[in-house]
Structures are given as C-alpha cells and as structure tokens.
Amino acid sequence: PQLHLPSGGALDDVSYAYWSIVGFPDIANGYASITPSRLARIRQLAATFPDAGSVAALRKLGLRTVVLHPDLAVGTQWDDAAERPTEGLPLVREDKGGVILYHLAPAEERASR
C-alpha cells in the first residue's frame, strides 16, 4: 500500500483517490465528509516524513511506498520534505516524473508469530 503526501488538503486526497483508478493501487488516502480515525492517525504519523520515527511507524502499519507531490506540498507541513535527509533510513528514494517515491523496506516480522 502507498501513502500520498501532502494529505488533508481540500483537493489532495480527492485527486489521489481519482488517480488510483489507474492500476488500482492500494492507497491509505481517502476522502469523505468525515476523516476516518485511521487516516487521521496516518497523517499524524507522517507529519515529519521522512524521519526515523515516521518511517518506522508507516512501515509498522504496512505501508510500502510514500509518494511525495512536491508541487502540491508548497505551504504544507511537507513543504520541505523533498530536502529532508534520508541517509540511514530503511528506504530508497526515487525521483520520477515530478514526484518523489520513497520505497520503504518492510518491517521485520515479529519473532512471536
């Protein structure tokens, strides 16, 4: 599953939902008259993305790709996300077609399973 950032703007999540009809990837974003608590939590966890805490939390939730739309991020909490350092984080950054893809390494399975 993937998360698109920024999230929470008037048109952002609507656009991502619409764009998802191409290939139907699983996305965490959504849009309705209310914000589901899970999406609100994901937005809160992703507020500082990409950093160690947000990457770990999103990996734990099962997200595998974060798509940053720098042109849409202007004036949001992700305005400088493209410039934030990623060295040492369990991800691979890929600049592609005006967006930045962050491929998150899967979280290790718990030994108790």
C-alpha atoms as a PDB file:
ATOM      1  CA  PRO A   1       0.000   0.000   0.000  1.00  0.00           C
ATOM      2  CA  GLN A   2       1.030   3.583  -0.578  1.00  0.00           C
ATOM      3  CA  LEU A   3       0.504   6.946   1.057  1.00  0.00           C
ATOM      4  CA  HIS A   4       0.415  10.158  -0.945  1.00  0.00           C
ATOM      5  CA  LEU A   5       1.655  13.403   0.614  1.00  0.00           C
ATOM      6  CA  PRO A   6       0.540  16.039   1.246  1.00  0.00           C
ATOM      7  CA  SER A   7      -2.620  14.665   2.764  1.00  0.00           C
ATOM      8  CA  GLY A   8      -5.511  16.532   4.265  1.00  0.00           C
ATOM      9  CA  GLY A   9      -5.893  19.403   1.825  1.00  0.00           C
ATOM     10  CA  ALA A  10      -9.225  20.182   0.209  1.00  0.00           C
ATOM     11  CA  LEU A  11      -8.295  18.568  -3.105  1.00  0.00           C
ATOM     12  CA  ASP A  12      -5.260  16.408  -2.351  1.00  0.00           C
ATOM     13  CA  ASP A  13      -6.926  13.208  -1.207  1.00  0.00           C
ATOM     14  CA  VAL A  14      -9.740  13.562  -3.752  1.00  0.00           C
ATOM     15  CA  SER A  15      -7.133  13.724  -6.514  1.00  0.00           C
ATOM     16  CA  TYR A  16      -5.228  10.713  -5.172  1.00  0.00           C
ATOM     17  CA  ALA A  17      -8.418   8.653  -4.964  1.00  0.00           C
ATOM     18  CA  TYR A  18      -9.274   9.592  -8.543  1.00  0.00           C
ATOM     19  CA  TRP A  19      -5.763   8.889  -9.809  1.00  0.00           C
ATOM     20  CA  SER A  20      -5.833   5.467  -8.123  1.00  0.00           C
ATOM     21  CA  ILE A  21      -8.275   4.185 -10.749  1.00  0.00           C
ATOM     22  CA  VAL A  22      -5.225   3.801 -12.990  1.00  0.00           C
ATOM     23  CA  GLY A  23      -3.919   0.410 -11.921  1.00  0.00           C
ATOM     24  CA  PHE A  24      -5.945   0.444  -8.674  1.00  0.00           C
ATOM     25  CA  PRO A  25      -3.003   0.535  -6.232  1.00  0.00           C
ATOM     26  CA  ASP A  26      -3.898   0.202  -2.578  1.00  0.00           C
ATOM     27  CA  ILE A  27      -3.732   3.684  -1.053  1.00  0.00           C
ATOM     28  CA  ALA A  28      -4.102   4.886   2.511  1.00  0.00           C
ATOM     29  CA  ASN A  29      -5.551   8.232   1.405  1.00  0.00           C
ATOM     30  CA  GLY A  30      -9.249   8.742   1.041  1.00  0.00           C
ATOM     31  CA  TYR A  31     -11.862  11.431   1.087  1.00  0.00           C
ATOM     32  CA  ALA A  32     -15.281  11.632   2.705  1.00  0.00           C
ATOM     33  CA  SER A  33     -17.341  14.095   4.692  1.00  0.00           C
ATOM     34  CA  ILE A  34     -15.572  12.804   7.812  1.00  0.00           C
ATOM     35  CA  THR A  35     -11.971  11.775   8.327  1.00  0.00           C
ATOM     36  CA  PRO A  36     -11.671   8.149   9.462  1.00  0.00           C
ATOM     37  CA  SER A  37      -9.610   7.832  12.644  1.00  0.00           C
ATOM     38  CA  ARG A  38      -7.076   5.555  10.909  1.00  0.00           C
ATOM     39  CA  LEU A  39      -6.393   8.169   8.213  1.00  0.00           C
ATOM     40  CA  ALA A  40      -6.118  10.915  10.832  1.00  0.00           C
ATOM     41  CA  ARG A  41      -3.567   8.760  12.682  1.00  0.00           C
ATOM     42  CA  ILE A  42      -1.586   8.089   9.492  1.00  0.00           C
ATOM     43  CA  ARG A  43      -1.475  11.816   8.746  1.00  0.00           C
ATOM     44  CA  GLN A  44      -0.246  12.497  12.274  1.00  0.00           C
ATOM     45  CA  LEU A  45       2.463   9.827  12.000  1.00  0.00           C
ATOM     46  CA  ALA A  46       3.551  11.138   8.582  1.00  0.00           C
ATOM     47  CA  ALA A  47       3.753  14.794   9.661  1.00  0.00           C
ATOM     48  CA  THR A  48       7.558  14.697   9.902  1.00  0.00           C
ATOM     49  CA  PHE A  49       8.181  12.312   6.997  1.00  0.00           C
ATOM     50  CA  PRO A  50      10.831  11.312   6.117  1.00  0.00           C
ATOM     51  CA  ASP A  51      12.446  10.803   9.500  1.00  0.00           C
ATOM     52  CA  ALA A  52      13.206   7.710  11.569  1.00  0.00           C
ATOM     53  CA  GLY A  53      10.007   7.867  13.632  1.00  0.00           C
ATOM     54  CA  SER A  54       7.617   8.381  10.734  1.00  0.00           C
ATOM     55  CA  VAL A  55       9.301   5.751   8.567  1.00  0.00           C
ATOM     56  CA  ALA A  56       9.165   3.175  11.377  1.00  0.00           C
ATOM     57  CA  ALA A  57       5.515   3.937  12.132  1.00  0.00           C
ATOM     58  CA  LEU A  58       4.419   3.772   8.489  1.00  0.00           C
ATOM     59  CA  ARG A  59       6.352   0.532   7.950  1.00  0.00           C
ATOM     60  CA  LYS A  60       4.667  -0.943  11.014  1.00  0.00           C
ATOM     61  CA  LEU A  61       1.277  -0.066   9.505  1.00  0.00           C
ATOM     62  CA  GLY A  62       2.255  -1.971   6.360  1.00  0.00           C
ATOM     63  CA  LEU A  63       2.790   0.987   4.040  1.00  0.00           C
ATOM     64  CA  ARG A  64       5.445   0.252   1.440  1.00  0.00           C
ATOM     65  CA  THR A  65       5.564   3.422  -0.680  1.00  0.00           C
ATOM     66  CA  VAL A  66       5.174   7.092   0.139  1.00  0.00           C
ATOM     67  CA  VAL A  67       4.557   9.324  -2.867  1.00  0.00           C
ATOM     68  CA  LEU A  68       5.508  12.951  -2.264  1.00  0.00           C
ATOM     69  CA  HIS A  69       3.992  15.508  -4.642  1.00  0.00           C
ATOM     70  CA  PRO A  70       6.362  18.480  -4.137  1.00  0.00           C
ATOM     71  CA  ASP A  71       4.226  20.839  -6.231  1.00  0.00           C
ATOM     72  CA  LEU A  72       1.208  20.145  -4.015  1.00  0.00           C
ATOM     73  CA  ALA A  73       3.251  20.281  -0.790  1.00  0.00           C
ATOM     74  CA  VAL A  74       4.022  24.013  -1.032  1.00  0.00           C
ATOM     75  CA  GLY A  75       2.691  25.721   2.089  1.00  0.00           C
ATOM     76  CA  THR A  76       2.010  22.436   3.929  1.00  0.00           C
ATOM     77  CA  GLN A  77       3.924  20.635   6.664  1.00  0.00           C
ATOM     78  CA  TRP A  78       5.608  18.639   3.858  1.00  0.00           C
ATOM     79  CA  ASP A  79       6.834  21.782   2.062  1.00  0.00           C
ATOM     80  CA  ASP A  80      10.481  20.884   2.724  1.00  0.00           C
ATOM     81  CA  ALA A  81      10.079  17.091   2.787  1.00  0.00           C
ATOM     82  CA  ALA A  82      11.936  16.663  -0.506  1.00  0.00           C
ATOM     83  CA  GLU A  83      15.005  18.293   1.068  1.00  0.00           C
ATOM     84  CA  ARG A  84      14.906  16.345   4.331  1.00  0.00           C
ATOM     85  CA  PRO A  85      17.801  13.888   4.731  1.00  0.00           C
ATOM     86  CA  THR A  86      17.129  10.179   4.243  1.00  0.00           C
ATOM     87  CA  GLU A  87      20.595   8.777   4.849  1.00  0.00           C
ATOM     88  CA  GLY A  88      20.463   5.811   7.206  1.00  0.00           C
ATOM     89  CA  LEU A  89      16.696   5.354   6.862  1.00  0.00           C
ATOM     90  CA  PRO A  90      15.314   1.991   5.673  1.00  0.00           C
ATOM     91  CA  LEU A  91      14.054   3.350   2.364  1.00  0.00           C
ATOM     92  CA  VAL A  92      15.039   4.018  -1.212  1.00  0.00           C
ATOM     93  CA  ARG A  93      14.270   7.412  -2.733  1.00  0.00           C
ATOM     94  CA  GLU A  94      13.362   7.659  -6.416  1.00  0.00           C
ATOM     95  CA  ASP A  95      12.640  10.906  -8.286  1.00  0.00           C
ATOM     96  CA  LYS A  96      10.145  10.078 -11.002  1.00  0.00           C
ATOM     97  CA  GLY A  97       8.009  12.272 -13.230  1.00  0.00           C
ATOM     98  CA  GLY A  98       7.606  15.227 -10.860  1.00  0.00           C
ATOM     99  CA  VAL A  99       7.006  13.122  -7.754  1.00  0.00           C
ATOM    100  CA  ILE A 100       9.341  11.525  -5.252  1.00  0.00           C
ATOM    101  CA  LEU A 101       8.791   7.876  -4.409  1.00  0.00           C
ATOM    102  CA  TYR A 102      10.051   6.584  -1.095  1.00  0.00           C
ATOM    103  CA  HIS A 103      10.132   2.783  -1.139  1.00  0.00           C
ATOM    104  CA  LEU A 104      10.002   1.665   2.486  1.00  0.00           C
ATOM    105  CA  ALA A 105      11.726  -1.550   3.447  1.00  0.00           C
ATOM    106  CA  PRO A 106       9.270  -3.990   5.009  1.00  0.00           C
ATOM    107  CA  ALA A 107       9.326  -4.146   8.790  1.00  0.00           C
ATOM    108  CA  GLU A 108      10.810  -7.346  10.169  1.00  0.00           C
ATOM    109  CA  GLU A 109       8.276  -9.944  11.207  1.00  0.00           C
ATOM    110  CA  ARG A 110       7.924 -10.351  14.937  1.00  0.00           C
ATOM    111  CA  ALA A 111       9.591 -13.443  16.314  1.00  0.00           C
ATOM    112  CA  SER A 112       6.451 -14.287  18.309  1.00  0.00           C
ATOM    113  CA  ARG A 113       4.422 -15.019  15.170  1.00  0.00           C
END
